[in-house]
Amino acid sequence: MLDRERLSAITDNVVYDEPMSKHTTFRIGGTADAFVSPENALEIEKIIHFCKKIPIRRICLWATAQICLSVTAV
């Protein structure tokens, strides 16, 4: 289960229950438990560390290209 309080302590840039259709080219996609927009490398490191401690199906990295990776591939 997602620990919202712990994740919110890592970054202020987190939105819960965010429709992914707002963030995809074709406006499709389900609801993300948490949509995080880290501001720096330290936040990225902390978020990855957080994700490794919880059962999570995938982690998405958004940059100039939209890339979704399964945690097993990371």
N, C-alpha and C. Protein backbone atom coordinates (compact mmCIF):
# COMPACT_ATOMS: atom_id res chain seq x y z
N MET A 1 0.84 -1.19 0.00
CA MET A 1 0.00 0.00 0.00
C MET A 1 0.89 1.25 0.00
N LEU A 2 0.43 2.25 -0.68
CA LEU A 2 1.18 3.50 -0.81
C LEU A 2 1.10 4.31 0.48
N ASP A 3 2.25 4.67 1.01
CA ASP A 3 2.32 5.49 2.23
C ASP A 3 2.36 6.96 1.78
N ARG A 4 1.20 7.56 1.68
CA ARG A 4 1.10 8.94 1.16
C ARG A 4 1.84 9.94 2.03
N GLU A 5 1.80 9.74 3.33
CA GLU A 5 2.47 10.68 4.24
C GLU A 5 3.98 10.66 4.03
N ARG A 6 4.54 9.46 3.88
CA ARG A 6 5.99 9.34 3.66
C ARG A 6 6.39 9.91 2.31
N LEU A 7 5.60 9.64 1.28
CA LEU A 7 5.91 10.16 -0.05
C LEU A 7 5.81 11.68 -0.07
N SER A 8 4.81 12.23 0.59
CA SER A 8 4.65 13.69 0.64
C SER A 8 5.79 14.36 1.39
N ALA A 9 6.44 13.61 2.29
CA ALA A 9 7.58 14.17 3.02
C ALA A 9 8.81 14.27 2.12
N ILE A 10 8.86 13.47 1.05
CA ILE A 10 9.99 13.48 0.13
C ILE A 10 9.91 14.68 -0.82
N THR A 11 8.71 14.96 -1.32
CA THR A 11 8.54 16.03 -2.30
C THR A 11 7.18 16.69 -2.16
N ASP A 12 7.13 17.97 -2.49
CA ASP A 12 5.85 18.69 -2.53
C ASP A 12 5.14 18.49 -3.87
N ASN A 13 5.88 17.95 -4.84
CA ASN A 13 5.35 17.81 -6.20
C ASN A 13 4.76 16.43 -6.44
N VAL A 14 3.75 16.09 -5.66
CA VAL A 14 3.07 14.81 -5.80
C VAL A 14 1.57 15.05 -5.85
N VAL A 15 0.91 14.38 -6.79
CA VAL A 15 -0.55 14.45 -6.93
C VAL A 15 -1.06 13.03 -6.82
N TYR A 16 -2.05 12.80 -5.99
CA TYR A 16 -2.60 11.47 -5.79
C TYR A 16 -3.84 11.25 -6.65
N ASP A 17 -4.03 10.00 -7.07
CA ASP A 17 -5.17 9.60 -7.90
C ASP A 17 -5.27 10.46 -9.16
N GLU A 18 -4.13 10.63 -9.82
CA GLU A 18 -4.03 11.51 -11.00
C GLU A 18 -4.36 10.72 -12.27
N PRO A 19 -5.32 11.21 -13.08
CA PRO A 19 -5.62 10.57 -14.36
C PRO A 19 -4.42 10.73 -15.31
N MET A 20 -3.89 9.62 -15.78
CA MET A 20 -2.74 9.68 -16.68
C MET A 20 -3.13 10.24 -18.04
N SER A 21 -4.40 10.27 -18.35
CA SER A 21 -4.85 10.85 -19.62
C SER A 21 -4.47 12.32 -19.74
N LYS A 22 -4.25 12.99 -18.61
CA LYS A 22 -3.81 14.40 -18.63
C LYS A 22 -2.37 14.54 -19.11
N HIS A 23 -1.63 13.45 -19.10
CA HIS A 23 -0.19 13.52 -19.34
C HIS A 23 0.29 12.71 -20.54
N THR A 24 -0.64 12.16 -21.32
CA THR A 24 -0.24 11.34 -22.46
C THR A 24 -0.68 11.99 -23.77
N THR A 25 0.05 11.69 -24.81
CA THR A 25 -0.22 12.29 -26.12
C THR A 25 -1.62 11.98 -26.61
N PHE A 26 -2.05 10.72 -26.46
CA PHE A 26 -3.36 10.31 -26.98
C PHE A 26 -4.48 10.45 -25.96
N ARG A 27 -4.18 11.07 -24.82
CA ARG A 27 -5.16 11.32 -23.75
C ARG A 27 -5.84 10.03 -23.28
N ILE A 28 -5.01 8.99 -23.12
CA ILE A 28 -5.51 7.72 -22.61
C ILE A 28 -4.72 7.34 -21.38
N GLY A 29 -5.24 6.42 -20.61
CA GLY A 29 -4.53 5.91 -19.44
C GLY A 29 -5.41 5.94 -18.22
N GLY A 30 -5.10 5.05 -17.31
CA GLY A 30 -5.86 4.95 -16.07
C GLY A 30 -5.39 5.96 -15.04
N THR A 31 -5.74 5.70 -13.80
CA THR A 31 -5.41 6.60 -12.70
C THR A 31 -4.14 6.11 -12.00
N ALA A 32 -3.21 7.02 -11.82
CA ALA A 32 -1.98 6.69 -11.09
C ALA A 32 -2.23 6.90 -9.60
N ASP A 33 -1.74 5.97 -8.80
CA ASP A 33 -1.85 6.16 -7.34
C ASP A 33 -1.15 7.45 -6.92
N ALA A 34 0.00 7.70 -7.54
CA ALA A 34 0.76 8.92 -7.25
C ALA A 34 1.50 9.35 -8.50
N PHE A 35 1.42 10.63 -8.82
CA PHE A 35 2.14 11.23 -9.94
C PHE A 35 3.12 12.22 -9.35
N VAL A 36 4.41 11.94 -9.52
CA VAL A 36 5.45 12.74 -8.87
C VAL A 36 6.29 13.45 -9.91
N SER A 37 6.56 14.73 -9.69
CA SER A 37 7.42 15.53 -10.57
C SER A 37 8.60 16.04 -9.75
N PRO A 38 9.66 15.22 -9.66
CA PRO A 38 10.82 15.63 -8.86
C PRO A 38 11.52 16.85 -9.45
N GLU A 39 12.09 17.66 -8.58
CA GLU A 39 12.75 18.90 -9.01
C GLU A 39 14.25 18.76 -9.17
N ASN A 40 14.83 17.71 -8.59
CA ASN A 40 16.29 17.57 -8.66
C ASN A 40 16.69 16.11 -8.49
N ALA A 41 17.98 15.84 -8.65
CA ALA A 41 18.49 14.48 -8.59
C ALA A 41 18.28 13.84 -7.21
N LEU A 42 18.40 14.62 -6.17
CA LEU A 42 18.21 14.09 -4.82
C LEU A 42 16.78 13.60 -4.62
N GLU A 43 15.80 14.34 -5.12
CA GLU A 43 14.40 13.90 -5.03
C GLU A 43 14.20 12.62 -5.82
N ILE A 44 14.80 12.52 -7.00
CA ILE A 44 14.69 11.30 -7.80
C ILE A 44 15.25 10.11 -7.03
N GLU A 45 16.41 10.29 -6.43
CA GLU A 45 17.03 9.23 -5.65
C GLU A 45 16.13 8.80 -4.49
N LYS A 46 15.57 9.76 -3.77
CA LYS A 46 14.70 9.44 -2.64
C LYS A 46 13.42 8.73 -3.09
N ILE A 47 12.86 9.14 -4.23
CA ILE A 47 11.65 8.52 -4.73
C ILE A 47 11.91 7.08 -5.17
N ILE A 48 13.03 6.84 -5.84
CA ILE A 48 13.38 5.47 -6.25
C ILE A 48 13.58 4.60 -5.02
N HIS A 49 14.26 5.13 -4.01
CA HIS A 49 14.46 4.39 -2.76
C HIS A 49 13.11 4.08 -2.11
N PHE A 50 12.20 5.03 -2.10
CA PHE A 50 10.86 4.84 -1.56
C PHE A 50 10.13 3.73 -2.32
N CYS A 51 10.21 3.76 -3.65
CA CYS A 51 9.50 2.78 -4.49
C CYS A 51 10.03 1.36 -4.29
N LYS A 52 11.31 1.23 -4.01
CA LYS A 52 11.89 -0.09 -3.80
C LYS A 52 11.36 -0.76 -2.53
N LYS A 53 10.83 0.02 -1.60
CA LYS A 53 10.36 -0.51 -0.33
C LYS A 53 8.88 -0.89 -0.33
N ILE A 54 8.18 -0.59 -1.41
CA ILE A 54 6.76 -0.91 -1.46
C ILE A 54 6.47 -1.78 -2.68
N PRO A 55 5.40 -2.59 -2.61
CA PRO A 55 5.03 -3.37 -3.80
C PRO A 55 4.43 -2.43 -4.85
N ILE A 56 5.15 -2.24 -5.93
CA ILE A 56 4.71 -1.30 -6.96
C ILE A 56 4.85 -1.99 -8.32
N ARG A 57 3.87 -1.82 -9.17
CA ARG A 57 3.89 -2.50 -10.46
C ARG A 57 4.79 -1.84 -11.48
N ARG A 58 4.79 -0.53 -11.56
CA ARG A 58 5.67 0.14 -12.50
C ARG A 58 6.06 1.51 -11.99
N ILE A 59 7.15 1.95 -12.54
CA ILE A 59 7.63 3.29 -12.24
C ILE A 59 7.79 4.00 -13.58
N CYS A 60 7.29 5.20 -13.68
CA CYS A 60 7.36 5.93 -14.95
C CYS A 60 8.30 7.12 -14.80
N LEU A 61 9.14 7.28 -15.78
CA LEU A 61 10.04 8.43 -15.82
C LEU A 61 9.61 9.31 -16.99
N TRP A 62 9.41 10.57 -16.72
CA TRP A 62 8.97 11.50 -17.76
C TRP A 62 10.06 12.54 -17.98
N ALA A 63 10.52 12.62 -19.18
CA ALA A 63 11.52 13.62 -19.53
C ALA A 63 11.11 14.17 -20.89
N THR A 64 12.04 14.27 -21.81
CA THR A 64 11.68 14.70 -23.15
C THR A 64 10.87 13.62 -23.85
N ALA A 65 11.06 12.37 -23.45
CA ALA A 65 10.27 11.25 -23.96
C ALA A 65 9.57 10.61 -22.77
N GLN A 66 8.42 10.05 -23.03
CA GLN A 66 7.67 9.38 -21.96
C GLN A 66 8.08 7.91 -21.95
N ILE A 67 8.63 7.47 -20.85
CA ILE A 67 9.15 6.11 -20.73
C ILE A 67 8.53 5.45 -19.51
N CYS A 68 7.93 4.28 -19.69
CA CYS A 68 7.42 3.50 -18.56
C CYS A 68 8.26 2.25 -18.45
N LEU A 69 8.72 1.97 -17.24
CA LEU A 69 9.54 0.78 -16.99
C LEU A 69 8.89 -0.04 -15.88
N SER A 70 8.92 -1.34 -16.03
CA SER A 70 8.49 -2.16 -14.91
C SER A 70 9.62 -2.15 -13.89
N VAL A 71 9.28 -2.30 -12.64
CA VAL A 71 10.27 -2.25 -11.58
C VAL A 71 11.29 -3.37 -11.77
N THR A 72 10.87 -4.51 -12.29
CA THR A 72 11.79 -5.61 -12.49
C THR A 72 12.85 -5.28 -13.53
N ALA A 73 12.57 -4.32 -14.42
CA ALA A 73 13.53 -3.94 -15.45
C ALA A 73 14.51 -2.88 -14.96
N VAL A 74 14.20 -2.23 -13.85
CA VAL A 74 15.04 -1.16 -13.34
C VAL A 74 16.26 -1.71 -12.65
